[in-house]
PDB file of N, CA and C in Angstrom:
ATOM      1  N   UNK A   1       2.871  10.122   4.427  1.00  0.00           N
ATOM      2  CA  UNK A   1       3.820   9.079   4.063  1.00  0.00           C
ATOM      3  C   UNK A   1       3.080   7.808   3.637  1.00  0.00           C
ATOM      4  N   UNK A   2       2.102   7.408   4.457  1.00  0.00           N
ATOM      5  CA  UNK A   2       1.354   6.186   4.152  1.00  0.00           C
ATOM      6  C   UNK A   2       0.597   6.348   2.841  1.00  0.00           C
ATOM      7  N   UNK A   3      -0.027   7.517   2.682  1.00  0.00           N
ATOM      8  CA  UNK A   3      -0.781   7.758   1.458  1.00  0.00           C
ATOM      9  C   UNK A   3       0.142   7.700   0.249  1.00  0.00           C
ATOM     10  N   UNK A   4       1.360   8.266   0.381  1.00  0.00           N
ATOM     11  CA  UNK A   4       2.314   8.252  -0.719  1.00  0.00           C
ATOM     12  C   UNK A   4       2.729   6.824  -1.066  1.00  0.00           C
ATOM     13  N   UNK A   5       2.947   5.994  -0.042  1.00  0.00           N
ATOM     14  CA  UNK A   5       3.330   4.604  -0.291  1.00  0.00           C
ATOM     15  C   UNK A   5       2.200   3.833  -0.957  1.00  0.00           C
ATOM     16  N   UNK A   6       0.982   4.066  -0.507  1.00  0.00           N
ATOM     17  CA  UNK A   6      -0.164   3.386  -1.117  1.00  0.00           C
ATOM     18  C   UNK A   6      -0.330   3.809  -2.567  1.00  0.00           C
ATOM     19  N   UNK A   7      -0.137   5.103  -2.833  1.00  0.00           N
ATOM     20  CA  UNK A   7      -0.231   5.587  -4.207  1.00  0.00           C
ATOM     21  C   UNK A   7       0.865   4.986  -5.070  1.00  0.00           C
ATOM     22  N   UNK A   8       2.076   4.852  -4.510  1.00  0.00           N
ATOM     23  CA  UNK A   8       3.183   4.267  -5.268  1.00  0.00           C
ATOM     24  C   UNK A   8       2.892   2.808  -5.597  1.00  0.00           C
ATOM     25  N   UNK A   9       2.329   2.077  -4.641  1.00  0.00           N
ATOM     26  CA  UNK A   9       2.008   0.677  -4.876  1.00  0.00           C
ATOM     27  C   UNK A   9       0.926   0.547  -5.946  1.00  0.00           C
ATOM     28  N   UNK A  10      -0.081   1.402  -5.861  1.00  0.00           N
ATOM     29  CA  UNK A  10      -1.152   1.379  -6.865  1.00  0.00           C
ATOM     30  C   UNK A  10      -0.603   1.708  -8.242  1.00  0.00           C
ATOM     31  N   UNK A  11       0.350   2.638  -8.302  1.00  0.00           N
ATOM     32  CA  UNK A  11       0.955   3.003  -9.579  1.00  0.00           C
ATOM     33  C   UNK A  11       1.729   1.825 -10.161  1.00  0.00           C
ATOM     34  N   UNK A  12       2.431   1.072  -9.300  1.00  0.00           N
ATOM     35  CA  UNK A  12       3.166  -0.112  -9.779  1.00  0.00           C
ATOM     36  C   UNK A  12       2.206  -1.115 -10.400  1.00  0.00           C
ATOM     37  N   UNK A  13       1.090  -1.352  -9.738  1.00  0.00           N
ATOM     38  CA  UNK A  13       0.103  -2.293 -10.265  1.00  0.00           C
ATOM     39  C   UNK A  13      -0.492  -1.784 -11.579  1.00  0.00           C
ATOM     40  N   UNK A  14      -0.742  -0.472 -11.634  1.00  0.00           N
ATOM     41  CA  UNK A  14      -1.304   0.114 -12.844  1.00  0.00           C
ATOM     42  C   UNK A  14      -0.323  -0.034 -14.008  1.00  0.00           C
ATOM     43  N   UNK A  15       0.957   0.191 -13.730  1.00  0.00           N
ATOM     44  CA  UNK A  15       1.973   0.073 -14.779  1.00  0.00           C
ATOM     45  C   UNK A  15       2.067  -1.352 -15.312  1.00  0.00           C
ATOM     46  N   UNK A  16       1.772  -2.320 -14.472  1.00  0.00           N
ATOM     47  CA  UNK A  16       1.845  -3.719 -14.905  1.00  0.00           C
ATOM     48  C   UNK A  16       0.940  -3.955 -16.100  1.00  0.00           C
ATOM     49  N   UNK A  17      -0.192  -3.289 -16.128  1.00  0.00           N
ATOM     50  CA  UNK A  17      -1.129  -3.472 -17.225  1.00  0.00           C
ATOM     51  C   UNK A  17      -0.752  -2.640 -18.448  1.00  0.00           C
ATOM     52  N   UNK A  18       0.153  -1.687 -18.273  1.00  0.00           N
ATOM     53  CA  UNK A  18       0.597  -0.874 -19.396  1.00  0.00           C
ATOM     54  C   UNK A  18       1.722  -1.558 -20.167  1.00  0.00           C
ATOM     55  N   UNK A  19       2.255  -2.645 -19.642  1.00  0.00           N
ATOM     56  CA  UNK A  19       3.376  -3.329 -20.275  1.00  0.00           C
ATOM     57  C   UNK A  19       2.926  -4.335 -21.331  1.00  0.00           C
ATOM     58  N   UNK A  20       1.675  -4.310 -21.719  1.00  0.00           N
ATOM     59  CA  UNK A  20       1.115  -5.324 -22.605  1.00  0.00           C
ATOM     60  C   UNK A  20       1.966  -5.619 -23.828  1.00  0.00           C
ATOM     61  N   UNK A  21       2.365  -4.589 -24.547  1.00  0.00           N
ATOM     62  CA  UNK A  21       3.040  -4.802 -25.818  1.00  0.00           C
ATOM     63  C   UNK A  21       4.561  -4.715 -25.727  1.00  0.00           C
ATOM     64  N   UNK A  22       5.105  -4.503 -24.551  1.00  0.00           N
ATOM     65  CA  UNK A  22       6.549  -4.337 -24.415  1.00  0.00           C
ATOM     66  C   UNK A  22       7.247  -5.678 -24.262  1.00  0.00           C
ATOM     67  N   UNK A  23       8.477  -5.739 -24.727  1.00  0.00           N
ATOM     68  CA  UNK A  23       9.272  -6.961 -24.586  1.00  0.00           C
ATOM     69  C   UNK A  23      10.254  -6.829 -23.422  1.00  0.00           C
ATOM     70  N   UNK A  24      11.073  -5.780 -23.437  1.00  0.00           N
ATOM     71  CA  UNK A  24      12.039  -5.552 -22.361  1.00  0.00           C
ATOM     72  C   UNK A  24      11.514  -4.433 -21.473  1.00  0.00           C
ATOM     73  N   UNK A  25      11.390  -4.725 -20.193  1.00  0.00           N
ATOM     74  CA  UNK A  25      10.799  -3.769 -19.263  1.00  0.00           C
ATOM     75  C   UNK A  25      11.810  -3.432 -18.178  1.00  0.00           C
ATOM     76  N   UNK A  26      11.961  -2.141 -17.893  1.00  0.00           N
ATOM     77  CA  UNK A  26      12.770  -1.694 -16.757  1.00  0.00           C
ATOM     78  C   UNK A  26      11.795  -1.274 -15.673  1.00  0.00           C
ATOM     79  N   UNK A  27      12.042  -1.736 -14.474  1.00  0.00           N
ATOM     80  CA  UNK A  27      11.152  -1.413 -13.362  1.00  0.00           C
ATOM     81  C   UNK A  27      11.996  -1.123 -12.128  1.00  0.00           C
ATOM     82  N   UNK A  28      11.519  -0.234 -11.265  1.00  0.00           N
ATOM     83  CA  UNK A  28      12.209   0.096 -10.025  1.00  0.00           C
ATOM     84  C   UNK A  28      11.493  -0.579  -8.863  1.00  0.00           C
ATOM     85  N   UNK A  29      12.260  -1.305  -8.057  1.00  0.00           N
ATOM     86  CA  UNK A  29      11.703  -1.975  -6.876  1.00  0.00           C
ATOM     87  C   UNK A  29      11.224  -0.912  -5.894  1.00  0.00           C
ATOM     88  N   UNK A  30      10.023  -1.061  -5.388  1.00  0.00           N
ATOM     89  CA  UNK A  30       9.457  -0.061  -4.484  1.00  0.00           C
ATOM     90  C   UNK A  30      10.032  -0.147  -3.067  1.00  0.00           C
ATOM     91  N   UNK A  31      10.798  -1.187  -2.762  1.00  0.00           N
ATOM     92  CA  UNK A  31      11.396  -1.322  -1.434  1.00  0.00           C
ATOM     93  C   UNK A  31      12.841  -0.837  -1.413  1.00  0.00           C
ATOM     94  N   UNK A  32      13.686  -1.392  -2.271  1.00  0.00           N
ATOM     95  CA  UNK A  32      15.118  -1.063  -2.223  1.00  0.00           C
ATOM     96  C   UNK A  32      15.552  -0.071  -3.296  1.00  0.00           C
ATOM     97  N   UNK A  33      14.699   0.182  -4.276  1.00  0.00           N
ATOM     98  CA  UNK A  33      15.035   1.142  -5.320  1.00  0.00           C
ATOM     99  C   UNK A  33      15.866   0.581  -6.458  1.00  0.00           C
ATOM    100  N   UNK A  34      16.139  -0.717  -6.442  1.00  0.00           N
ATOM    101  CA  UNK A  34      16.908  -1.341  -7.508  1.00  0.00           C
ATOM    102  C   UNK A  34      16.137  -1.277  -8.821  1.00  0.00           C
ATOM    103  N   UNK A  35      16.835  -0.872  -9.876  1.00  0.00           N
ATOM    104  CA  UNK A  35      16.227  -0.880 -11.207  1.00  0.00           C
ATOM    105  C   UNK A  35      16.582  -2.217 -11.836  1.00  0.00           C
ATOM    106  N   UNK A  36      15.567  -2.962 -12.237  1.00  0.00           N
ATOM    107  CA  UNK A  36      15.821  -4.271 -12.818  1.00  0.00           C
ATOM    108  C   UNK A  36      15.077  -4.406 -14.133  1.00  0.00           C
ATOM    109  N   UNK A  37      15.608  -5.267 -14.982  1.00  0.00           N
ATOM    110  CA  UNK A  37      15.015  -5.534 -16.292  1.00  0.00           C
ATOM    111  C   UNK A  37      14.371  -6.909 -16.276  1.00  0.00           C
ATOM    112  N   UNK A  38      13.296  -7.033 -16.997  1.00  0.00           N
ATOM    113  CA  UNK A  38      12.745  -8.359 -17.238  1.00  0.00           C
ATOM    114  C   UNK A  38      12.082  -8.361 -18.598  1.00  0.00           C
ATOM    115  N   UNK A  39      12.015  -9.535 -19.182  1.00  0.00           N
ATOM    116  CA  UNK A  39      11.385  -9.687 -20.488  1.00  0.00           C
ATOM    117  C   UNK A  39       9.965 -10.171 -20.255  1.00  0.00           C
ATOM    118  N   UNK A  40       9.045  -9.485 -20.864  1.00  0.00           N
ATOM    119  CA  UNK A  40       7.649  -9.842 -20.685  1.00  0.00           C
ATOM    120  C   UNK A  40       6.943  -9.755 -22.014  1.00  0.00           C
ATOM    121  N   UNK A  41       6.214 -10.789 -22.327  1.00  0.00           N
ATOM    122  CA  UNK A  41       5.458 -10.824 -23.575  1.00  0.00           C
ATOM    123  C   UNK A  41       3.977 -10.922 -23.259  1.00  0.00           C
ATOM    124  N   UNK A  42       3.178 -10.368 -24.144  1.00  0.00           N
ATOM    125  CA  UNK A  42       1.735 -10.384 -23.945  1.00  0.00           C
ATOM    126  C   UNK A  42       1.243 -11.817 -23.767  1.00  0.00           C
ATOM    127  N   UNK A  43       0.395 -12.004 -22.777  1.00  0.00           N
ATOM    128  CA  UNK A  43      -0.169 -13.325 -22.525  1.00  0.00           C
ATOM    129  C   UNK A  43       0.618 -14.154 -21.531  1.00  0.00           C
ATOM    130  N   UNK A  44       1.804 -13.699 -21.140  1.00  0.00           N
ATOM    131  CA  UNK A  44       2.592 -14.431 -20.149  1.00  0.00           C
ATOM    132  C   UNK A  44       2.445 -13.742 -18.795  1.00  0.00           C
ATOM    133  N   UNK A  45       2.585 -14.490 -17.709  1.00  0.00           N
ATOM    134  CA  UNK A  45       2.452 -13.865 -16.391  1.00  0.00           C
ATOM    135  C   UNK A  45       3.640 -12.954 -16.087  1.00  0.00           C
ATOM    136  N   UNK A  46       3.416 -12.003 -15.200  1.00  0.00           N
ATOM    137  CA  UNK A  46       4.502 -11.140 -14.740  1.00  0.00           C
ATOM    138  C   UNK A  46       5.443 -11.962 -13.865  1.00  0.00           C
ATOM    139  N   UNK A  47       6.675 -11.486 -13.646  1.00  0.00           N
ATOM    140  CA  UNK A  47       7.585 -12.210 -12.748  1.00  0.00           C
ATOM    141  C   UNK A  47       6.936 -12.430 -11.383  1.00  0.00           C
ATOM    142  N   UNK A  48       7.268 -13.545 -10.732  1.00  0.00           N
ATOM    143  CA  UNK A  48       6.571 -13.915  -9.493  1.00  0.00           C
ATOM    144  C   UNK A  48       6.773 -12.910  -8.361  1.00  0.00           C
ATOM    145  N   UNK A  49       7.850 -12.132  -8.389  1.00  0.00           N
ATOM    146  CA  UNK A  49       8.089 -11.156  -7.328  1.00  0.00           C
ATOM    147  C   UNK A  49       7.640  -9.740  -7.689  1.00  0.00           C
ATOM    148  N   UNK A  50       7.088  -9.544  -8.882  1.00  0.00           N
ATOM    149  CA  UNK A  50       6.677  -8.211  -9.320  1.00  0.00           C
ATOM    150  C   UNK A  50       5.663  -7.616  -8.351  1.00  0.00           C
ATOM    151  N   UNK A  51       5.762  -6.375  -7.940  1.00  0.00           N
ATOM    152  CA  UNK A  51       6.603  -5.291  -8.430  1.00  0.00           C
ATOM    153  C   UNK A  51       7.917  -5.144  -7.680  1.00  0.00           C
ATOM    154  N   UNK A  52       8.374  -6.199  -7.043  1.00  0.00           N
ATOM    155  CA  UNK A  52       9.626  -6.158  -6.294  1.00  0.00           C
ATOM    156  C   UNK A  52      10.713  -6.891  -7.065  1.00  0.00           C
ATOM    157  N   UNK A  53      11.978  -6.595  -6.723  1.00  0.00           N
ATOM    158  CA  UNK A  53      13.087  -7.197  -7.465  1.00  0.00           C
ATOM    159  C   UNK A  53      13.415  -8.602  -6.978  1.00  0.00           C
ATOM    160  N   UNK A  54      13.026  -8.942  -5.756  1.00  0.00           N
ATOM    161  CA  UNK A  54      13.394 -10.245  -5.202  1.00  0.00           C
ATOM    162  C   UNK A  54      12.358 -10.697  -4.174  1.00  0.00           C
ATOM    163  N   UNK A  55      12.490 -11.950  -3.782  1.00  0.00           N
ATOM    164  CA  UNK A  55      11.606 -12.490  -2.740  1.00  0.00           C
ATOM    165  C   UNK A  55      11.853 -11.774  -1.412  1.00  0.00           C
ATOM    166  N   UNK A  56      13.093 -11.353  -1.190  1.00  0.00           N
ATOM    167  CA  UNK A  56      13.430 -10.641   0.049  1.00  0.00           C
ATOM    168  C   UNK A  56      12.659  -9.318   0.137  1.00  0.00           C
ATOM    169  N   UNK A  57      12.660  -8.546  -0.950  1.00  0.00           N
ATOM    170  CA  UNK A  57      11.927  -7.270  -0.953  1.00  0.00           C
ATOM    171  C   UNK A  57      10.425  -7.513  -0.837  1.00  0.00           C
ATOM    172  N   UNK A  58       9.948  -8.574  -1.453  1.00  0.00           N
ATOM    173  CA  UNK A  58       8.527  -8.914  -1.362  1.00  0.00           C
ATOM    174  C   UNK A  58       8.162  -9.239   0.087  1.00  0.00           C
ATOM    175  N   UNK A  59       9.021 -10.001   0.772  1.00  0.00           N
ATOM    176  CA  UNK A  59       8.789 -10.354   2.174  1.00  0.00           C
ATOM    177  C   UNK A  59       8.897  -9.122   3.075  1.00  0.00           C
ATOM    178  N   UNK A  60       9.824  -8.220   2.755  1.00  0.00           N
ATOM    179  CA  UNK A  60       9.967  -6.983   3.521  1.00  0.00           C
ATOM    180  C   UNK A  60       8.693  -6.159   3.443  1.00  0.00           C
ATOM    181  N   UNK A  61       8.128  -6.061   2.251  1.00  0.00           N
ATOM    182  CA  UNK A  61       6.884  -5.316   2.067  1.00  0.00           C
ATOM    183  C   UNK A  61       5.754  -5.959   2.868  1.00  0.00           C
ATOM    184  N   UNK A  62       5.660  -7.277   2.807  1.00  0.00           N
ATOM    185  CA  UNK A  62       4.620  -7.986   3.556  1.00  0.00           C
ATOM    186  C   UNK A  62       4.771  -7.741   5.054  1.00  0.00           C
ATOM    187  N   UNK A  63       6.009  -7.794   5.559  1.00  0.00           N
ATOM    188  CA  UNK A  63       6.218  -7.583   6.993  1.00  0.00           C
ATOM    189  C   UNK A  63       5.852  -6.158   7.402  1.00  0.00           C
ATOM    190  N   UNK A  64       6.050  -5.193   6.494  1.00  0.00           N
ATOM    191  CA  UNK A  64       5.642  -3.818   6.807  1.00  0.00           C
ATOM    192  C   UNK A  64       4.128  -3.718   6.944  1.00  0.00           C
ATOM    193  N   UNK A  65       3.398  -4.433   6.098  1.00  0.00           N
ATOM    194  CA  UNK A  65       1.937  -4.445   6.226  1.00  0.00           C
ATOM    195  C   UNK A  65       1.529  -5.134   7.525  1.00  0.00           C
ATOM    196  N   UNK A  66       2.161  -6.263   7.828  1.00  0.00           N
ATOM    197  CA  UNK A  66       1.808  -7.019   9.035  1.00  0.00           C
ATOM    198  C   UNK A  66       2.101  -6.211  10.296  1.00  0.00           C
ATOM    199  N   UNK A  67       3.227  -5.491  10.305  1.00  0.00           N
ATOM    200  CA  UNK A  67       3.612  -4.689  11.470  1.00  0.00           C
ATOM    201  C   UNK A  67       2.952  -3.312  11.487  1.00  0.00           C
ATOM    202  N   UNK A  68       2.001  -3.115  10.578  1.00  0.00           N
ATOM    203  CA  UNK A  68       1.215  -1.890  10.489  1.00  0.00           C
ATOM    204  C   UNK A  68       2.059  -0.651  10.235  1.00  0.00           C
ATOM    205  N   UNK A  69       3.188  -0.822   9.525  1.00  0.00           N
ATOM    206  CA  UNK A  69       3.958   0.337   9.089  1.00  0.00           C
ATOM    207  C   UNK A  69       3.244   1.017   7.926  1.00  0.00           C
ATOM    208  N   UNK A  70       2.463   0.255   7.187  1.00  0.00           N
ATOM    209  CA  UNK A  70       1.595   0.803   6.151  1.00  0.00           C
ATOM    210  C   UNK A  70       0.176   0.730   6.702  1.00  0.00           C
ATOM    211  N   UNK A  71      -0.628   1.672   6.327  1.00  0.00           N
ATOM    212  CA  UNK A  71      -2.027   1.639   6.746  1.00  0.00           C
ATOM    213  C   UNK A  71      -2.864   2.386   5.731  1.00  0.00           C
ATOM    214  N   UNK A  72      -4.085   1.986   5.621  1.00  0.00           N
ATOM    215  CA  UNK A  72      -5.040   2.681   4.776  1.00  0.00           C
ATOM    216  C   UNK A  72      -6.060   3.292   5.725  1.00  0.00           C
ATOM    217  N   UNK A  73      -6.003   4.600   5.861  1.00  0.00           N
ATOM    218  CA  UNK A  73      -6.876   5.291   6.804  1.00  0.00           C
ATOM    219  C   UNK A  73      -8.217   5.594   6.160  1.00  0.00           C
ATOM    220  N   UNK A  74      -9.250   5.110   6.794  1.00  0.00           N
ATOM    221  CA  UNK A  74     -10.610   5.414   6.354  1.00  0.00           C
ATOM    222  C   UNK A  74     -11.451   5.686   7.592  1.00  0.00           C
ATOM    223  N   UNK A  75     -12.480   6.447   7.415  1.00  0.00           N
ATOM    224  CA  UNK A  75     -13.402   6.696   8.522  1.00  0.00           C
ATOM    225  C   UNK A  75     -14.245   5.444   8.746  1.00  0.00           C
ATOM    226  N   UNK A  76     -14.442   5.108  10.004  1.00  0.00           N
ATOM    227  CA  UNK A  76     -15.256   3.942  10.330  1.00  0.00           C
ATOM    228  C   UNK A  76     -16.727   4.315  10.259  1.00  0.00           C
ATOM    229  N   UNK A  77     -17.534   3.494   9.621  1.00  0.00           N
ATOM    230  CA  UNK A  77     -18.968   3.779   9.606  1.00  0.00           C
ATOM    231  C   UNK A  77     -19.542   3.633  11.011  1.00  0.00           C
ATOM    232  N   UNK A  78     -20.520   4.465  11.333  1.00  0.00           N
ATOM    233  CA  UNK A  78     -21.129   4.429  12.670  1.00  0.00           C
ATOM    234  C   UNK A  78     -21.752   3.082  12.993  1.00  0.00           C
ATOM    235  N   UNK A  79     -22.124   2.329  11.992  1.00  0.00           N
ATOM    236  CA  UNK A  79     -22.811   1.062  12.239  1.00  0.00           C
ATOM    237  C   UNK A  79     -21.919   0.024  12.903  1.00  0.00           C
ATOM    238  N   UNK A  80     -20.599   0.139  12.750  1.00  0.00           N
ATOM    239  CA  UNK A  80     -19.739  -0.872  13.372  1.00  0.00           C
ATOM    240  C   UNK A  80     -19.147  -0.398  14.699  1.00  0.00           C
ATOM    241  N   UNK A  81     -19.440   0.846  15.080  1.00  0.00           N
ATOM    242  CA  UNK A  81     -18.982   1.339  16.373  1.00  0.00           C
ATOM    243  C   UNK A  81     -20.010   0.985  17.443  1.00  0.00           C
ATOM    244  N   UNK A  82     -19.515   0.540  18.575  1.00  0.00           N
ATOM    245  CA  UNK A  82     -20.433   0.253  19.679  1.00  0.00           C
ATOM    246  C   UNK A  82     -20.892   1.575  20.298  1.00  0.00           C
ATOM    247  N   UNK A  83     -21.913   1.499  21.107  1.00  0.00           N
ATOM    248  CA  UNK A  83     -22.432   2.704  21.775  1.00  0.00           C
ATOM    249  C   UNK A  83     -21.344   3.338  22.639  1.00  0.00           C
ATOM    250  N   UNK A  84     -20.566   2.520  23.332  1.00  0.00           N
ATOM    251  CA  UNK A  84     -19.487   3.021  24.180  1.00  0.00           C
ATOM    252  C   UNK A  84     -18.437   3.752  23.349  1.00  0.00           C
ATOM    253  N   UNK A  85     -18.096   3.187  22.204  1.00  0.00           N
ATOM    254  CA  UNK A  85     -17.106   3.833  21.332  1.00  0.00           C
ATOM    255  C   UNK A  85     -17.627   5.172  20.812  1.00  0.00           C
ATOM    256  N   UNK A  86     -18.909   5.231  20.473  1.00  0.00           N
ATOM    257  CA  UNK A  86     -19.502   6.491  20.006  1.00  0.00           C
ATOM    258  C   UNK A  86     -19.459   7.550  21.110  1.00  0.00           C
ATOM    259  N   UNK A  87     -19.776   7.127  22.340  1.00  0.00           N
ATOM    260  CA  UNK A  87     -19.733   8.059  23.472  1.00  0.00           C
ATOM    261  C   UNK A  87     -18.315   8.565  23.702  1.00  0.00           C
ATOM    262  N   UNK A  88     -17.342   7.671  23.604  1.00  0.00           N
ATOM    263  CA  UNK A  88     -15.944   8.055  23.790  1.00  0.00           C
ATOM    264  C   UNK A  88     -15.510   9.054  22.718  1.00  0.00           C
ATOM    265  N   UNK A  89     -15.870   8.796  21.478  1.00  0.00           N
ATOM    266  CA  UNK A  89     -15.524   9.715  20.396  1.00  0.00           C
ATOM    267  C   UNK A  89     -16.189  11.076  20.588  1.00  0.00           C
ATOM    268  N   UNK A  90     -17.419  11.075  21.078  1.00  0.00           N
ATOM    269  CA  UNK A  90     -18.125  12.332  21.348  1.00  0.00           C
ATOM    270  C   UNK A  90     -17.418  13.122  22.438  1.00  0.00           C
ATOM    271  N   UNK A  91     -17.028  12.428  23.512  1.00  0.00           N
ATOM    272  CA  UNK A  91     -16.321  13.095  24.613  1.00  0.00           C
ATOM    273  C   UNK A  91     -14.972  13.641  24.148  1.00  0.00           C
ATOM    274  N   UNK A  92     -14.256  12.871  23.363  1.00  0.00           N
ATOM    275  CA  UNK A  92     -12.962  13.337  22.850  1.00  0.00           C
ATOM    276  C   UNK A  92     -13.139  14.556  21.953  1.00  0.00           C
ATOM    277  N   UNK A  93     -14.190  14.549  21.147  1.00  0.00           N
ATOM    278  CA  UNK A  93     -14.464  15.700  20.275  1.00  0.00           C
ATOM    279  C   UNK A  93     -14.759  16.945  21.111  1.00  0.00           C
ATOM    280  N   UNK A  94     -15.488  16.774  22.225  1.00  0.00           N
ATOM    281  CA  UNK A  94     -15.779  17.907  23.109  1.00  0.00           C
ATOM    282  C   UNK A  94     -14.498  18.480  23.707  1.00  0.00           C
ATOM    283  N   UNK A  95     -13.521  17.592  23.961  1.00  0.00           N
ATOM    284  CA  UNK A  95     -12.245  18.032  24.528  1.00  0.00           C
ATOM    285  C   UNK A  95     -11.307  18.606  23.467  1.00  0.00           C
ATOM    286  N   UNK A  96     -11.710  18.506  22.208  1.00  0.00           N
ATOM    287  CA  UNK A  96     -10.893  19.052  21.122  1.00  0.00           C
ATOM    288  C   UNK A  96      -9.823  18.106  20.611  1.00  0.00           C
ATOM    289  N   UNK A  97      -9.935  16.821  20.947  1.00  0.00           N
ATOM    290  CA  UNK A  97      -8.960  15.835  20.477  1.00  0.00           C
ATOM    291  C   UNK A  97      -9.383  15.342  19.104  1.00  0.00           C
ATOM    292  N   UNK A  98      -8.489  15.476  18.136  1.00  0.00           N
ATOM    293  CA  UNK A  98      -8.773  15.010  16.775  1.00  0.00           C
ATOM    294  C   UNK A  98      -8.169  13.620  16.612  1.00  0.00           C
ATOM    295  N   UNK A  99      -8.999  12.613  16.507  1.00  0.00           N
ATOM    296  CA  UNK A  99      -8.549  11.224  16.413  1.00  0.00           C
ATOM    297  C   UNK A  99      -7.667  11.012  15.196  1.00  0.00           C
ATOM    298  N   UNK A 100      -7.989  11.623  14.067  1.00  0.00           N
ATOM    299  CA  UNK A 100      -7.191  11.441  12.851  1.00  0.00           C
ATOM    300  C   UNK A 100      -5.771  11.937  13.036  1.00  0.00           C
ATOM    301  N   UNK A 101      -5.569  13.034  13.787  1.00  0.00           N
ATOM    302  CA  UNK A 101      -4.221  13.534  14.036  1.00  0.00           C
ATOM    303  C   UNK A 101      -3.422  12.571  14.892  1.00  0.00           C
ATOM    304  N   UNK A 102      -4.080  11.878  15.812  1.00  0.00           N
ATOM    305  CA  UNK A 102      -3.398  10.932  16.687  1.00  0.00           C
ATOM    306  C   UNK A 102      -2.890   9.722  15.923  1.00  0.00           C
ATOM    307  N   UNK A 103      -3.551   9.344  14.842  1.00  0.00           N
ATOM    308  CA  UNK A 103      -3.171   8.149  14.087  1.00  0.00           C
ATOM    309  C   UNK A 103      -1.946   8.382  13.226  1.00  0.00           C
ATOM    310  N   UNK A 104      -1.672   9.596  12.831  1.00  0.00           N
ATOM    311  CA  UNK A 104      -0.552   9.884  11.920  1.00  0.00           C
ATOM    312  C   UNK A 104       0.745   9.977  12.642  1.00  0.00           C
TER     313      UNK A 104
END
């Protein structure tokens, strides 16, 4: 789910750069699903709430990030783990506990 949301957000940003030559643009809000139109000309900034339809949807998205409803899962490099954390991960691995499964 998180990966799908991150991919959708990246796609919205990617599409923003594809609108270079378009005048009338239809876009779907990634939060509420509202399809909205806006006029955009090359050299002008995108609407201030893009890729969302309103400030409310933009704030909703931000609160989801703050409340950790969205996450970008990456493996932590060993250099930032303390010795105790490494030992704990080793013990959990011996017990057959998969940390990545616990996070989802």
